[in-house]
Amino acid sequence: MKKRRITIILGHPDKETLLGAFANDYEKAARHSGYEVRRVNVGDLNFDPILHKGYKVVQDLEPDLCKLQEDIKWCDHLVIFYPMWWSTMPSILKGVFDRMWLPGFAFRFNKNGLGWKRLLKGRSARIVVGSNIPPIIGRLIMGDTTNEIRKGILRFSGFSPIRKTLIGRMETMSERRKMKWKKKFESLGGRGV
């Protein structure tokens, strides 16, 4: 039986955070369960996050982005941990997607101009979003802040299913709740979901 391959992306520029610790818990449990795991911390990548000319001019990908593309093509399951800042992902994570989520890698538009081919089909994903407000309050005030990454990026390129885990009150979380979340991510990583 083929081992499940998991790529984990920590989309927070600082890996020394509670979200980084939860990503570590997931990774450790996945490895312990025998899954093959690759890990990327966006704060460690060396690249220009700005797509300067859109698709008018080819902007060569830096080696770190080429490697991340390979890690995504390699995986069966993609897990992205990131904080919600101003109702979306941090700009460094958005820059990763702007630069490397390109035609020919993640999708290809049909020549007739109608529709597109999803080039990353056959992969599942989980997004884990940390916030300082309770998820239900965020949803009521701002709507679903995961649409950009969940629908506009992952589903657009073929990922399915895409599960989400929302964590609130990150800065004021009690030790008891931190332990509860730690166990949750150990369970998810252990099951590779």
N, C-alpha and C. Protein backbone atom coordinates (compact mmCIF):
# COMPACT_ATOMS: atom_id res chain seq x y z
N MET A 1 0.83 -1.18 0.00
CA MET A 1 0.00 0.00 0.00
C MET A 1 0.89 1.26 0.00
N LYS A 2 0.53 2.19 -0.84
CA LYS A 2 1.30 3.43 -0.96
C LYS A 2 1.10 4.32 0.27
N LYS A 3 2.19 4.87 0.79
CA LYS A 3 2.10 5.79 1.91
C LYS A 3 1.52 7.12 1.44
N ARG A 4 0.68 7.72 2.24
CA ARG A 4 0.14 9.03 1.91
C ARG A 4 1.26 10.06 2.02
N ARG A 5 1.29 10.99 1.06
CA ARG A 5 2.31 12.04 1.05
C ARG A 5 1.66 13.36 1.41
N ILE A 6 2.21 14.02 2.39
CA ILE A 6 1.63 15.25 2.92
C ILE A 6 2.64 16.38 2.82
N THR A 7 2.20 17.51 2.27
CA THR A 7 3.00 18.73 2.30
C THR A 7 2.33 19.71 3.25
N ILE A 8 3.10 20.23 4.18
CA ILE A 8 2.61 21.19 5.17
C ILE A 8 3.26 22.53 4.88
N ILE A 9 2.43 23.57 4.79
CA ILE A 9 2.92 24.94 4.61
C ILE A 9 2.53 25.75 5.84
N LEU A 10 3.51 26.34 6.49
CA LEU A 10 3.23 27.31 7.55
C LEU A 10 3.25 28.68 6.90
N GLY A 11 2.08 29.29 6.78
CA GLY A 11 1.95 30.57 6.09
C GLY A 11 2.16 31.78 6.97
N HIS A 12 2.58 31.59 8.19
CA HIS A 12 2.92 32.71 9.08
C HIS A 12 4.41 33.00 8.86
N PRO A 13 4.78 34.27 8.69
CA PRO A 13 6.20 34.56 8.46
C PRO A 13 7.09 34.20 9.65
N ASP A 14 6.51 34.06 10.84
CA ASP A 14 7.26 33.72 12.05
C ASP A 14 6.88 32.31 12.48
N LYS A 15 7.82 31.37 12.42
CA LYS A 15 7.49 29.99 12.78
C LYS A 15 7.44 29.77 14.29
N GLU A 16 7.92 30.75 15.07
CA GLU A 16 7.91 30.63 16.53
C GLU A 16 6.62 31.23 17.09
N THR A 17 5.49 30.67 16.69
CA THR A 17 4.18 31.13 17.12
C THR A 17 3.36 29.93 17.55
N LEU A 18 2.21 30.18 18.14
CA LEU A 18 1.31 29.09 18.52
C LEU A 18 0.86 28.32 17.28
N LEU A 19 0.59 29.02 16.19
CA LEU A 19 0.21 28.36 14.95
C LEU A 19 1.36 27.48 14.44
N GLY A 20 2.59 27.97 14.57
CA GLY A 20 3.75 27.17 14.21
C GLY A 20 3.86 25.92 15.07
N ALA A 21 3.54 26.05 16.36
CA ALA A 21 3.58 24.89 17.26
C ALA A 21 2.52 23.87 16.85
N PHE A 22 1.34 24.35 16.46
CA PHE A 22 0.29 23.42 16.01
C PHE A 22 0.70 22.71 14.72
N ALA A 23 1.36 23.43 13.82
CA ALA A 23 1.87 22.81 12.59
C ALA A 23 2.91 21.74 12.95
N ASN A 24 3.74 22.03 13.94
CA ASN A 24 4.73 21.05 14.41
C ASN A 24 4.04 19.80 14.96
N ASP A 25 2.96 20.00 15.74
CA ASP A 25 2.21 18.86 16.31
C ASP A 25 1.64 17.99 15.20
N TYR A 26 1.05 18.63 14.19
CA TYR A 26 0.48 17.89 13.06
C TYR A 26 1.59 17.11 12.35
N GLU A 27 2.69 17.79 12.06
CA GLU A 27 3.80 17.16 11.33
C GLU A 27 4.37 15.97 12.09
N LYS A 28 4.61 16.14 13.37
CA LYS A 28 5.19 15.07 14.17
C LYS A 28 4.28 13.84 14.20
N ALA A 29 2.98 14.06 14.37
CA ALA A 29 2.03 12.94 14.40
C ALA A 29 1.93 12.25 13.05
N ALA A 30 1.96 13.03 11.97
CA ALA A 30 1.90 12.44 10.63
C ALA A 30 3.13 11.57 10.37
N ARG A 31 4.29 12.07 10.72
CA ARG A 31 5.52 11.29 10.54
C ARG A 31 5.49 10.01 11.40
N HIS A 32 5.02 10.16 12.64
CA HIS A 32 4.94 9.02 13.55
C HIS A 32 4.00 7.94 13.01
N SER A 33 2.97 8.36 12.28
CA SER A 33 2.01 7.40 11.69
C SER A 33 2.51 6.80 10.39
N GLY A 34 3.69 7.20 9.95
CA GLY A 34 4.28 6.59 8.77
C GLY A 34 4.03 7.33 7.46
N TYR A 35 3.42 8.50 7.53
CA TYR A 35 3.22 9.28 6.30
C TYR A 35 4.53 9.93 5.88
N GLU A 36 4.69 10.11 4.59
CA GLU A 36 5.82 10.89 4.09
C GLU A 36 5.42 12.35 4.18
N VAL A 37 6.28 13.18 4.74
CA VAL A 37 5.93 14.58 4.99
C VAL A 37 7.03 15.50 4.49
N ARG A 38 6.60 16.57 3.85
CA ARG A 38 7.50 17.68 3.51
C ARG A 38 6.91 18.92 4.16
N ARG A 39 7.79 19.78 4.67
CA ARG A 39 7.36 20.97 5.41
C ARG A 39 8.01 22.20 4.82
N VAL A 40 7.22 23.27 4.67
CA VAL A 40 7.72 24.54 4.17
C VAL A 40 7.23 25.64 5.10
N ASN A 41 8.15 26.49 5.54
CA ASN A 41 7.81 27.69 6.31
C ASN A 41 8.02 28.88 5.39
N VAL A 42 6.94 29.61 5.07
CA VAL A 42 7.08 30.68 4.08
C VAL A 42 8.07 31.75 4.52
N GLY A 43 8.24 31.93 5.81
CA GLY A 43 9.20 32.91 6.30
C GLY A 43 10.64 32.54 5.99
N ASP A 44 10.89 31.28 5.67
CA ASP A 44 12.25 30.82 5.33
C ASP A 44 12.54 30.87 3.84
N LEU A 45 11.52 31.13 3.02
CA LEU A 45 11.71 31.12 1.57
C LEU A 45 12.40 32.40 1.11
N ASN A 46 13.25 32.26 0.10
CA ASN A 46 13.94 33.40 -0.49
C ASN A 46 13.33 33.65 -1.87
N PHE A 47 12.46 34.67 -1.97
CA PHE A 47 11.79 34.97 -3.23
C PHE A 47 11.20 36.38 -3.18
N ASP A 48 10.93 36.92 -4.35
CA ASP A 48 10.24 38.21 -4.47
C ASP A 48 8.75 37.90 -4.48
N PRO A 49 7.98 38.36 -3.50
CA PRO A 49 6.56 38.02 -3.44
C PRO A 49 5.67 38.80 -4.41
N ILE A 50 6.24 39.71 -5.17
CA ILE A 50 5.44 40.56 -6.05
C ILE A 50 5.48 40.03 -7.48
N LEU A 51 4.32 39.84 -8.07
CA LEU A 51 4.20 39.49 -9.48
C LEU A 51 4.14 40.82 -10.22
N HIS A 52 5.29 41.33 -10.62
CA HIS A 52 5.44 42.71 -11.07
C HIS A 52 4.64 43.08 -12.31
N LYS A 53 4.55 42.20 -13.28
CA LYS A 53 3.87 42.53 -14.54
C LYS A 53 2.70 41.61 -14.84
N GLY A 54 2.17 40.94 -13.82
CA GLY A 54 1.11 39.98 -14.08
C GLY A 54 1.65 38.89 -14.99
N TYR A 55 0.87 38.49 -15.96
CA TYR A 55 1.32 37.46 -16.90
C TYR A 55 1.86 38.04 -18.19
N LYS A 56 2.02 39.36 -18.26
CA LYS A 56 2.54 40.00 -19.48
C LYS A 56 4.00 39.67 -19.72
N VAL A 57 4.75 39.56 -18.63
CA VAL A 57 6.19 39.29 -18.72
C VAL A 57 6.47 38.08 -17.84
N VAL A 58 7.22 37.13 -18.37
CA VAL A 58 7.58 35.94 -17.59
C VAL A 58 8.56 36.35 -16.50
N GLN A 59 8.21 36.05 -15.27
CA GLN A 59 9.07 36.33 -14.13
C GLN A 59 9.57 34.99 -13.62
N ASP A 60 10.82 34.70 -13.87
CA ASP A 60 11.37 33.40 -13.50
C ASP A 60 11.18 33.13 -12.01
N LEU A 61 10.84 31.87 -11.70
CA LEU A 61 10.67 31.48 -10.31
C LEU A 61 12.02 31.24 -9.65
N GLU A 62 12.13 31.69 -8.42
CA GLU A 62 13.31 31.43 -7.62
C GLU A 62 13.33 29.94 -7.26
N PRO A 63 14.51 29.39 -6.94
CA PRO A 63 14.62 27.97 -6.60
C PRO A 63 13.67 27.53 -5.47
N ASP A 64 13.47 28.37 -4.45
CA ASP A 64 12.57 28.00 -3.35
C ASP A 64 11.14 27.81 -3.84
N LEU A 65 10.70 28.63 -4.78
CA LEU A 65 9.34 28.48 -5.31
C LEU A 65 9.24 27.27 -6.22
N CYS A 66 10.28 26.99 -6.99
CA CYS A 66 10.30 25.77 -7.82
C CYS A 66 10.20 24.53 -6.93
N LYS A 67 10.94 24.54 -5.83
CA LYS A 67 10.91 23.41 -4.89
C LYS A 67 9.52 23.27 -4.28
N LEU A 68 8.89 24.37 -3.92
CA LEU A 68 7.54 24.31 -3.34
C LEU A 68 6.54 23.77 -4.37
N GLN A 69 6.67 24.17 -5.62
CA GLN A 69 5.80 23.61 -6.65
C GLN A 69 5.97 22.09 -6.71
N GLU A 70 7.21 21.62 -6.65
CA GLU A 70 7.46 20.18 -6.68
C GLU A 70 6.84 19.49 -5.47
N ASP A 71 6.95 20.13 -4.29
CA ASP A 71 6.37 19.57 -3.07
C ASP A 71 4.85 19.46 -3.19
N ILE A 72 4.24 20.41 -3.85
CA ILE A 72 2.77 20.38 -4.02
C ILE A 72 2.38 19.34 -5.05
N LYS A 73 3.12 19.24 -6.15
CA LYS A 73 2.82 18.20 -7.15
C LYS A 73 3.03 16.80 -6.55
N TRP A 74 4.00 16.67 -5.67
CA TRP A 74 4.34 15.40 -5.04
C TRP A 74 3.26 14.92 -4.07
N CYS A 75 2.60 15.83 -3.38
CA CYS A 75 1.72 15.44 -2.27
C CYS A 75 0.36 14.90 -2.72
N ASP A 76 -0.23 14.13 -1.81
CA ASP A 76 -1.63 13.70 -1.93
C ASP A 76 -2.52 14.64 -1.12
N HIS A 77 -1.95 15.23 -0.08
CA HIS A 77 -2.71 16.06 0.86
C HIS A 77 -1.87 17.29 1.22
N LEU A 78 -2.47 18.44 1.12
CA LEU A 78 -1.81 19.71 1.42
C LEU A 78 -2.45 20.32 2.66
N VAL A 79 -1.63 20.73 3.61
CA VAL A 79 -2.13 21.37 4.82
C VAL A 79 -1.48 22.74 4.93
N ILE A 80 -2.30 23.77 5.06
CA ILE A 80 -1.79 25.14 5.14
C ILE A 80 -2.26 25.77 6.45
N PHE A 81 -1.31 26.15 7.28
CA PHE A 81 -1.58 26.85 8.53
C PHE A 81 -1.27 28.33 8.30
N TYR A 82 -2.20 29.22 8.62
CA TYR A 82 -1.90 30.65 8.51
C TYR A 82 -2.80 31.47 9.43
N PRO A 83 -2.34 32.66 9.82
CA PRO A 83 -3.18 33.55 10.62
C PRO A 83 -4.06 34.40 9.71
N MET A 84 -5.22 34.75 10.22
CA MET A 84 -6.08 35.68 9.49
C MET A 84 -5.66 37.10 9.88
N TRP A 85 -5.17 37.84 8.90
CA TRP A 85 -4.80 39.23 9.09
C TRP A 85 -5.64 40.06 8.15
N TRP A 86 -6.38 41.01 8.68
CA TRP A 86 -7.25 41.87 7.88
C TRP A 86 -8.15 41.05 6.96
N SER A 87 -8.75 40.03 7.53
CA SER A 87 -9.74 39.17 6.86
C SER A 87 -9.17 38.31 5.74
N THR A 88 -7.86 38.11 5.70
CA THR A 88 -7.27 37.26 4.68
C THR A 88 -5.93 36.71 5.18
N MET A 89 -5.22 36.06 4.31
CA MET A 89 -3.92 35.48 4.65
C MET A 89 -2.85 36.58 4.69
N PRO A 90 -1.72 36.34 5.35
CA PRO A 90 -0.61 37.29 5.34
C PRO A 90 -0.11 37.53 3.91
N SER A 91 0.39 38.71 3.66
CA SER A 91 0.83 39.07 2.30
C SER A 91 1.94 38.15 1.79
N ILE A 92 2.80 37.65 2.66
CA ILE A 92 3.88 36.76 2.21
C ILE A 92 3.30 35.46 1.65
N LEU A 93 2.24 34.94 2.27
CA LEU A 93 1.60 33.73 1.75
C LEU A 93 0.87 34.03 0.44
N LYS A 94 0.22 35.17 0.38
CA LYS A 94 -0.45 35.58 -0.87
C LYS A 94 0.59 35.74 -1.97
N GLY A 95 1.76 36.28 -1.63
CA GLY A 95 2.84 36.41 -2.60
C GLY A 95 3.33 35.07 -3.13
N VAL A 96 3.35 34.06 -2.26
CA VAL A 96 3.71 32.71 -2.71
C VAL A 96 2.74 32.26 -3.80
N PHE A 97 1.45 32.42 -3.54
CA PHE A 97 0.45 31.99 -4.52
C PHE A 97 0.50 32.86 -5.77
N ASP A 98 0.64 34.17 -5.62
CA ASP A 98 0.72 35.06 -6.79
C ASP A 98 1.85 34.65 -7.72
N ARG A 99 2.96 34.30 -7.15
CA ARG A 99 4.14 33.99 -7.95
C ARG A 99 4.15 32.59 -8.54
N MET A 100 3.72 31.57 -7.78
CA MET A 100 3.92 30.20 -8.26
C MET A 100 2.66 29.49 -8.73
N TRP A 101 1.49 30.02 -8.43
CA TRP A 101 0.23 29.36 -8.81
C TRP A 101 -0.10 29.78 -10.23
N LEU A 102 0.66 29.27 -11.16
CA LEU A 102 0.67 29.77 -12.53
C LEU A 102 -0.02 28.83 -13.51
N PRO A 103 -0.43 29.38 -14.66
CA PRO A 103 -0.91 28.51 -15.73
C PRO A 103 0.19 27.52 -16.10
N GLY A 104 -0.19 26.28 -16.28
CA GLY A 104 0.78 25.23 -16.58
C GLY A 104 1.21 24.47 -15.34
N PHE A 105 1.07 25.08 -14.18
CA PHE A 105 1.35 24.39 -12.91
C PHE A 105 0.04 24.01 -12.22
N ALA A 106 -0.79 24.97 -11.91
CA ALA A 106 -2.01 24.72 -11.15
C ALA A 106 -3.26 24.61 -12.03
N PHE A 107 -3.23 25.23 -13.19
CA PHE A 107 -4.40 25.25 -14.08
C PHE A 107 -3.94 25.55 -15.49
N ARG A 108 -4.85 25.36 -16.42
CA ARG A 108 -4.60 25.75 -17.81
C ARG A 108 -5.94 26.17 -18.40
N PHE A 109 -6.01 27.40 -18.90
CA PHE A 109 -7.23 27.86 -19.52
C PHE A 109 -7.43 27.15 -20.86
N ASN A 110 -8.67 26.82 -21.18
CA ASN A 110 -8.97 26.19 -22.47
C ASN A 110 -8.72 27.18 -23.60
N LYS A 111 -8.25 26.67 -24.72
CA LYS A 111 -7.91 27.53 -25.86
C LYS A 111 -9.11 28.30 -26.39
N ASN A 112 -10.32 27.72 -26.25
CA ASN A 112 -11.52 28.41 -26.74
C ASN A 112 -11.99 29.51 -25.79
N GLY A 113 -11.27 29.68 -24.66
CA GLY A 113 -11.62 30.73 -23.72
C GLY A 113 -12.74 30.36 -22.76
N LEU A 114 -13.26 29.15 -22.88
CA LEU A 114 -14.35 28.71 -22.02
C LEU A 114 -13.84 27.68 -21.01
N GLY A 115 -13.70 28.08 -19.78
CA GLY A 115 -13.29 27.16 -18.73
C GLY A 115 -11.79 26.96 -18.64
N TRP A 116 -11.43 25.99 -17.82
CA TRP A 116 -10.03 25.71 -17.56
C TRP A 116 -9.87 24.26 -17.11
N LYS A 117 -8.65 23.78 -17.19
CA LYS A 117 -8.31 22.45 -16.71
C LYS A 117 -7.65 22.60 -15.34
N ARG A 118 -8.14 21.83 -14.40
CA ARG A 118 -7.58 21.83 -13.05
C ARG A 118 -6.41 20.83 -13.02
N LEU A 119 -5.20 21.34 -12.90
CA LEU A 119 -4.01 20.49 -13.02
C LEU A 119 -3.58 19.81 -11.73
N LEU A 120 -4.22 20.16 -10.61
CA LEU A 120 -3.83 19.56 -9.33
C LEU A 120 -4.93 18.68 -8.76
N LYS A 121 -5.73 18.10 -9.63
CA LYS A 121 -6.79 17.18 -9.20
C LYS A 121 -6.18 15.97 -8.50
N GLY A 122 -7.00 15.32 -7.68
CA GLY A 122 -6.55 14.12 -7.00
C GLY A 122 -5.88 14.39 -5.67
N ARG A 123 -5.90 15.64 -5.23
CA ARG A 123 -5.29 16.01 -3.96
C ARG A 123 -6.37 16.59 -3.04
N SER A 124 -6.23 16.33 -1.77
CA SER A 124 -7.11 16.93 -0.78
C SER A 124 -6.33 18.02 -0.05
N ALA A 125 -7.05 18.82 0.73
CA ALA A 125 -6.38 19.90 1.47
C ALA A 125 -7.10 20.18 2.77
N ARG A 126 -6.35 20.74 3.69
CA ARG A 126 -6.91 21.30 4.93
C ARG A 126 -6.27 22.66 5.12
N ILE A 127 -7.11 23.64 5.42
CA ILE A 127 -6.58 24.95 5.79
C ILE A 127 -6.89 25.16 7.26
N VAL A 128 -5.90 25.67 7.98
CA VAL A 128 -6.02 25.94 9.40
C VAL A 128 -5.78 27.43 9.58
N VAL A 129 -6.79 28.13 10.06
CA VAL A 129 -6.71 29.58 10.16
C VAL A 129 -6.83 30.00 11.62
N GLY A 130 -5.83 30.73 12.09
CA GLY A 130 -5.84 31.25 13.44
C GLY A 130 -6.24 32.71 13.46
N SER A 131 -6.98 33.10 14.48
CA SER A 131 -7.47 34.47 14.60
C SER A 131 -7.55 34.85 16.07
N ASN A 132 -7.65 36.13 16.32
CA ASN A 132 -7.81 36.59 17.70
C ASN A 132 -9.27 36.76 18.10
N ILE A 133 -10.19 36.56 17.16
CA ILE A 133 -11.61 36.63 17.50
C ILE A 133 -12.22 35.24 17.33
N PRO A 134 -13.29 34.95 18.06
CA PRO A 134 -13.94 33.65 17.88
C PRO A 134 -14.42 33.50 16.43
N PRO A 135 -14.26 32.32 15.84
CA PRO A 135 -14.65 32.12 14.45
C PRO A 135 -16.08 32.52 14.13
N ILE A 136 -17.01 32.26 15.01
CA ILE A 136 -18.41 32.59 14.74
C ILE A 136 -18.61 34.11 14.64
N ILE A 137 -17.90 34.87 15.46
CA ILE A 137 -17.98 36.33 15.41
C ILE A 137 -17.37 36.83 14.10
N GLY A 138 -16.21 36.27 13.74
CA GLY A 138 -15.58 36.64 12.47
C GLY A 138 -16.48 36.37 11.30
N ARG A 139 -17.16 35.23 11.32
CA ARG A 139 -18.07 34.86 10.23
C ARG A 139 -19.24 35.84 10.14
N LEU A 140 -19.79 36.21 11.29
CA LEU A 140 -20.92 37.15 11.31
C LEU A 140 -20.52 38.54 10.82
N ILE A 141 -19.34 38.98 11.19
CA ILE A 141 -18.90 40.34 10.84
C ILE A 141 -18.34 40.41 9.42
N MET A 142 -17.49 39.44 9.05
CA MET A 142 -16.75 39.53 7.78
C MET A 142 -17.13 38.48 6.74
N GLY A 143 -17.97 37.53 7.09
CA GLY A 143 -18.30 36.47 6.14
C GLY A 143 -17.23 35.40 6.17
N ASP A 144 -17.22 34.55 5.16
CA ASP A 144 -16.25 33.46 5.10
C ASP A 144 -14.93 33.98 4.56
N THR A 145 -13.97 34.19 5.45
CA THR A 145 -12.68 34.75 5.06
C THR A 145 -11.75 33.71 4.44
N THR A 146 -12.21 32.47 4.32
CA THR A 146 -11.38 31.43 3.70
C THR A 146 -11.68 31.26 2.21
N ASN A 147 -12.64 31.99 1.67
CA ASN A 147 -13.03 31.81 0.26
C ASN A 147 -11.87 32.02 -0.70
N GLU A 148 -11.05 33.01 -0.44
CA GLU A 148 -9.94 33.32 -1.34
C GLU A 148 -9.03 32.12 -1.54
N ILE A 149 -8.60 31.51 -0.45
CA ILE A 149 -7.68 30.38 -0.56
C ILE A 149 -8.42 29.08 -0.87
N ARG A 150 -9.58 28.89 -0.24
CA ARG A 150 -10.30 27.63 -0.39
C ARG A 150 -10.90 27.47 -1.78
N LYS A 151 -11.62 28.50 -2.22
CA LYS A 151 -12.29 28.41 -3.52
C LYS A 151 -11.45 28.99 -4.65
N GLY A 152 -10.90 30.19 -4.44
CA GLY A 152 -10.21 30.89 -5.51
C GLY A 152 -8.85 30.32 -5.86
N ILE A 153 -8.23 29.60 -4.95
CA ILE A 153 -6.90 29.04 -5.22
C ILE A 153 -6.95 27.51 -5.28
N LEU A 154 -7.35 26.87 -4.18
CA LEU A 154 -7.28 25.41 -4.12
C LEU A 154 -8.34 24.72 -4.97
N ARG A 155 -9.61 25.05 -4.78
CA ARG A 155 -10.65 24.40 -5.57
C ARG A 155 -10.50 24.71 -7.06
N PHE A 156 -10.12 25.95 -7.36
CA PHE A 156 -9.91 26.37 -8.75
C PHE A 156 -8.93 25.44 -9.48
N SER A 157 -7.94 24.94 -8.74
CA SER A 157 -6.91 24.11 -9.36
C SER A 157 -7.14 22.61 -9.16
N GLY A 158 -8.25 22.23 -8.53
CA GLY A 158 -8.62 20.83 -8.47
C GLY A 158 -8.61 20.15 -7.12
N PHE A 159 -8.16 20.82 -6.07
CA PHE A 159 -8.15 20.18 -4.75
C PHE A 159 -9.58 19.89 -4.29
N SER A 160 -9.77 18.67 -3.77
CA SER A 160 -11.07 18.29 -3.22
C SER A 160 -10.91 16.95 -2.51
N PRO A 161 -11.48 16.82 -1.32
CA PRO A 161 -12.17 17.85 -0.55
C PRO A 161 -11.18 18.81 0.08
N ILE A 162 -11.71 19.96 0.48
CA ILE A 162 -10.92 20.97 1.18
C ILE A 162 -11.61 21.20 2.52
N ARG A 163 -10.94 20.82 3.58
CA ARG A 163 -11.51 20.99 4.92
C ARG A 163 -10.88 22.22 5.57
N LYS A 164 -11.61 22.81 6.50
CA LYS A 164 -11.05 23.97 7.20
C LYS A 164 -11.19 23.79 8.70
N THR A 165 -10.21 24.30 9.40
CA THR A 165 -10.20 24.32 10.85
C THR A 165 -9.94 25.77 11.26
N LEU A 166 -10.87 26.34 12.01
CA LEU A 166 -10.76 27.73 12.44
C LEU A 166 -10.49 27.78 13.94
N ILE A 167 -9.49 28.54 14.32
CA ILE A 167 -9.11 28.66 15.72
C ILE A 167 -9.23 30.13 16.12
N GLY A 168 -9.94 30.40 17.19
CA GLY A 168 -10.10 31.77 17.66
C GLY A 168 -9.35 32.02 18.96
N ARG A 169 -9.30 33.29 19.31
CA ARG A 169 -8.68 33.74 20.56
C ARG A 169 -7.25 33.22 20.72
N MET A 170 -6.48 33.35 19.66
CA MET A 170 -5.10 32.85 19.68
C MET A 170 -4.24 33.52 20.75
N GLU A 171 -4.36 34.83 20.89
CA GLU A 171 -3.49 35.55 21.83
C GLU A 171 -3.88 35.35 23.28
N THR A 172 -5.14 35.03 23.54
CA THR A 172 -5.60 34.89 24.93
C THR A 172 -5.96 33.46 25.28
N MET A 173 -5.50 32.51 24.49
CA MET A 173 -5.86 31.11 24.70
C MET A 173 -5.26 30.57 25.99
N SER A 174 -6.10 29.90 26.76
CA SER A 174 -5.65 29.30 28.01
C SER A 174 -4.77 28.08 27.71
N GLU A 175 -3.99 27.68 28.70
CA GLU A 175 -3.14 26.50 28.54
C GLU A 175 -4.00 25.25 28.30
N ARG A 176 -5.15 25.21 28.93
CA ARG A 176 -6.05 24.07 28.74
C ARG A 176 -6.53 23.98 27.30
N ARG A 177 -6.91 25.12 26.73
CA ARG A 177 -7.36 25.13 25.33
C ARG A 177 -6.20 24.85 24.38
N LYS A 178 -5.01 25.33 24.68
CA LYS A 178 -3.85 25.02 23.85
C LYS A 178 -3.61 23.51 23.81
N MET A 179 -3.75 22.86 24.96
CA MET A 179 -3.56 21.41 25.02
C MET A 179 -4.64 20.69 24.23
N LYS A 180 -5.87 21.21 24.28
CA LYS A 180 -6.97 20.62 23.51
C LYS A 180 -6.67 20.70 22.01
N TRP A 181 -6.19 21.88 21.56
CA TRP A 181 -5.86 22.04 20.14
C TRP A 181 -4.66 21.19 19.75
N LYS A 182 -3.68 21.11 20.64
CA LYS A 182 -2.50 20.26 20.37
C LYS A 182 -2.95 18.83 20.09
N LYS A 183 -3.82 18.30 20.94
CA LYS A 183 -4.33 16.94 20.76
C LYS A 183 -5.13 16.82 19.46
N LYS A 184 -5.88 17.86 19.12
CA LYS A 184 -6.65 17.85 17.87
C LYS A 184 -5.71 17.73 16.67
N PHE A 185 -4.63 18.52 16.65
CA PHE A 185 -3.69 18.47 15.52
C PHE A 185 -2.88 17.18 15.52
N GLU A 186 -2.61 16.63 16.66
CA GLU A 186 -1.96 15.32 16.71
C GLU A 186 -2.88 14.26 16.10
N SER A 187 -4.16 14.36 16.39
CA SER A 187 -5.14 13.42 15.84
C SER A 187 -5.26 13.57 14.32
N LEU A 188 -5.38 14.83 13.85
CA LEU A 188 -5.49 15.07 12.42
C LEU A 188 -4.23 14.60 11.68
N GLY A 189 -3.07 14.93 12.22
CA GLY A 189 -1.82 14.50 11.60
C GLY A 189 -1.66 12.99 11.61
N GLY A 190 -2.06 12.38 12.72
CA GLY A 190 -1.97 10.93 12.83
C GLY A 190 -2.84 10.20 11.82
N ARG A 191 -3.93 10.85 11.43
CA ARG A 191 -4.84 10.26 10.44
C ARG A 191 -4.55 10.78 9.02
N GLY A 192 -3.66 11.77 8.91
CA GLY A 192 -3.30 12.30 7.60
C GLY A 192 -4.43 13.03 6.92
N VAL A 193 -5.23 13.74 7.71
CA VAL A 193 -6.37 14.49 7.14
C VAL A 193 -6.30 15.96 7.52
